[in-house]
Each structure stands twice: as C-alpha cells, then as structure tokens.
Amino acid sequence: MMSPRLRFHQDQIAALASRYQYQLDDANLMKLQSSILERGYLTKNEIKKIAYWKAPRSAAHADKNQPSYVTEITRFALATEDE
C-alpha cells in the first residue's frame, strides 16, 4: 500500500498556507445564520457566499443552480436538522 508524501519540504507549509486568503471568515459567515433560519431558506447570493467560503475554486458551480432548486433543497436541509 502506498502512503501519501508531501511534494515539498515540511518547513514550507506555513509559507504556502499564508498564500491563501478567504474573503469571508467564519465569524462573518455565521452572521448570515439568523436571517437564513428565520426565512427558512438560503438566497442565491447566500449560497454563493457559502460556496466561495467552502471552496473558492469551485464556487462558480453555485451559479448553475436554479433559484427554485436552491430554495427547496435549503428548506429540506433545514427541516432535517430539526429531526
């Protein structure tokens, strides 16, 4: 079995990690929570913010979702959290 290996020296981790900057930190993202829970669904703009926070390089895929799909899937997710 093959074990994973770093492609760079361990001393470079901090320098490489410092190159990544997120425009929306956890605290700012959590500010969205109360309005989302009150409304019962995410807006497309909120989906885009969360997608960018989660995976900046693939966040553009969030634009492909139809607004009705976003609303329904969010309502389902919020409803299943309460169970």
C-alpha atoms as a PDB file:
ATOM      1  CA  MET A   1       0.000   0.000   0.000  1.00  0.00           C
ATOM      2  CA  MET A   2       1.222   3.456  -0.897  1.00  0.00           C
ATOM      3  CA  SER A   3       1.430   6.131   1.780  1.00  0.00           C
ATOM      4  CA  PRO A   4       0.964   9.826   0.915  1.00  0.00           C
ATOM      5  CA  ARG A   5       4.036  12.044   0.828  1.00  0.00           C
ATOM      6  CA  LEU A   6       4.418  15.813   0.744  1.00  0.00           C
ATOM      7  CA  ARG A   7       5.652  17.246  -2.544  1.00  0.00           C
ATOM      8  CA  PHE A   8       7.511  19.978  -0.697  1.00  0.00           C
ATOM      9  CA  HIS A   9       9.551  20.254   2.463  1.00  0.00           C
ATOM     10  CA  GLN A  10       7.623  20.425   5.721  1.00  0.00           C
ATOM     11  CA  ASP A  11       9.241  23.795   6.526  1.00  0.00           C
ATOM     12  CA  GLN A  12       7.336  25.335   3.596  1.00  0.00           C
ATOM     13  CA  ILE A  13       3.850  24.617   4.980  1.00  0.00           C
ATOM     14  CA  ALA A  14       3.425  27.957   6.800  1.00  0.00           C
ATOM     15  CA  ALA A  15       4.586  29.978   3.783  1.00  0.00           C
ATOM     16  CA  LEU A  16       2.314  28.078   1.401  1.00  0.00           C
ATOM     17  CA  ALA A  17      -0.676  28.328   3.754  1.00  0.00           C
ATOM     18  CA  SER A  18      -0.197  32.093   4.111  1.00  0.00           C
ATOM     19  CA  ARG A  19      -0.821  32.489   0.358  1.00  0.00           C
ATOM     20  CA  TYR A  20      -4.470  31.530   0.834  1.00  0.00           C
ATOM     21  CA  GLN A  21      -6.806  34.266   1.990  1.00  0.00           C
ATOM     22  CA  TYR A  22     -10.538  33.879   2.412  1.00  0.00           C
ATOM     23  CA  GLN A  23     -12.726  36.901   1.836  1.00  0.00           C
ATOM     24  CA  LEU A  24     -15.415  35.621   4.179  1.00  0.00           C
ATOM     25  CA  ASP A  25     -14.240  34.300   7.535  1.00  0.00           C
ATOM     26  CA  ASP A  26     -16.227  32.057   9.854  1.00  0.00           C
ATOM     27  CA  ALA A  27     -17.496  34.933  12.009  1.00  0.00           C
ATOM     28  CA  ASN A  28     -18.891  36.848   9.010  1.00  0.00           C
ATOM     29  CA  LEU A  29     -20.426  33.700   7.635  1.00  0.00           C
ATOM     30  CA  MET A  30     -22.181  32.987  10.939  1.00  0.00           C
ATOM     31  CA  LYS A  31     -23.815  36.433  10.752  1.00  0.00           C
ATOM     32  CA  LEU A  32     -25.912  35.053   7.896  1.00  0.00           C
ATOM     33  CA  GLN A  33     -27.296  32.252  10.055  1.00  0.00           C
ATOM     34  CA  SER A  34     -30.072  34.088  11.899  1.00  0.00           C
ATOM     35  CA  SER A  35     -31.661  35.543   8.758  1.00  0.00           C
ATOM     36  CA  ILE A  36     -31.385  32.192   6.959  1.00  0.00           C
ATOM     37  CA  LEU A  37     -33.049  30.329   9.832  1.00  0.00           C
ATOM     38  CA  GLU A  38     -35.749  32.974  10.174  1.00  0.00           C
ATOM     39  CA  ARG A  39     -36.515  32.927   6.452  1.00  0.00           C
ATOM     40  CA  GLY A  40     -36.227  29.140   6.198  1.00  0.00           C
ATOM     41  CA  TYR A  41     -34.107  29.068   3.070  1.00  0.00           C
ATOM     42  CA  LEU A  42     -30.925  30.486   1.534  1.00  0.00           C
ATOM     43  CA  THR A  43     -30.914  33.129  -1.156  1.00  0.00           C
ATOM     44  CA  LYS A  44     -28.792  32.543  -4.215  1.00  0.00           C
ATOM     45  CA  ASN A  45     -26.380  35.238  -3.000  1.00  0.00           C
ATOM     46  CA  GLU A  46     -26.010  33.438   0.341  1.00  0.00           C
ATOM     47  CA  ILE A  47     -25.372  30.150  -1.455  1.00  0.00           C
ATOM     48  CA  LYS A  48     -22.636  31.858  -3.469  1.00  0.00           C
ATOM     49  CA  LYS A  49     -21.018  33.284  -0.321  1.00  0.00           C
ATOM     50  CA  ILE A  50     -21.062  29.921   1.417  1.00  0.00           C
ATOM     51  CA  ALA A  51     -19.789  28.117  -1.668  1.00  0.00           C
ATOM     52  CA  TYR A  52     -16.925  30.586  -2.006  1.00  0.00           C
ATOM     53  CA  TRP A  53     -16.067  30.229   1.679  1.00  0.00           C
ATOM     54  CA  LYS A  54     -16.118  26.437   1.408  1.00  0.00           C
ATOM     55  CA  ALA A  55     -14.305  26.003  -1.912  1.00  0.00           C
ATOM     56  CA  PRO A  56     -13.240  29.215  -3.685  1.00  0.00           C
ATOM     57  CA  ARG A  57     -12.012  27.478  -6.833  1.00  0.00           C
ATOM     58  CA  SER A  58     -15.281  25.651  -7.474  1.00  0.00           C
ATOM     59  CA  ALA A  59     -17.687  28.279  -6.117  1.00  0.00           C
ATOM     60  CA  ALA A  60     -18.808  29.244  -9.622  1.00  0.00           C
ATOM     61  CA  HIS A  61     -20.781  25.990  -9.776  1.00  0.00           C
ATOM     62  CA  ALA A  62     -23.291  27.578  -7.384  1.00  0.00           C
ATOM     63  CA  ASP A  63     -24.393  29.867 -10.237  1.00  0.00           C
ATOM     64  CA  LYS A  64     -25.662  26.844 -12.154  1.00  0.00           C
ATOM     65  CA  ASN A  65     -28.438  26.157  -9.625  1.00  0.00           C
ATOM     66  CA  GLN A  66     -31.911  27.433 -10.402  1.00  0.00           C
ATOM     67  CA  PRO A  67     -33.367  29.654  -7.625  1.00  0.00           C
ATOM     68  CA  SER A  68     -36.296  27.259  -7.081  1.00  0.00           C
ATOM     69  CA  TYR A  69     -33.878  24.361  -6.571  1.00  0.00           C
ATOM     70  CA  VAL A  70     -31.835  26.367  -4.072  1.00  0.00           C
ATOM     71  CA  THR A  71     -34.963  27.256  -2.086  1.00  0.00           C
ATOM     72  CA  GLU A  72     -36.317  23.696  -1.988  1.00  0.00           C
ATOM     73  CA  ILE A  73     -33.035  21.978  -1.128  1.00  0.00           C
ATOM     74  CA  THR A  74     -32.385  24.503   1.643  1.00  0.00           C
ATOM     75  CA  ARG A  75     -35.845  24.044   3.138  1.00  0.00           C
ATOM     76  CA  PHE A  76     -35.266  20.292   3.107  1.00  0.00           C
ATOM     77  CA  ALA A  77     -31.876  20.652   4.787  1.00  0.00           C
ATOM     78  CA  LEU A  78     -33.225  22.980   7.477  1.00  0.00           C
ATOM     79  CA  ALA A  79     -36.180  20.677   8.140  1.00  0.00           C
ATOM     80  CA  THR A  80     -33.968  17.604   8.546  1.00  0.00           C
ATOM     81  CA  GLU A  81     -31.725  19.447  11.029  1.00  0.00           C
ATOM     82  CA  ASP A  82     -34.657  19.738  13.430  1.00  0.00           C
ATOM     83  CA  GLU A  83     -35.299  15.970  13.415  1.00  0.00           C
END
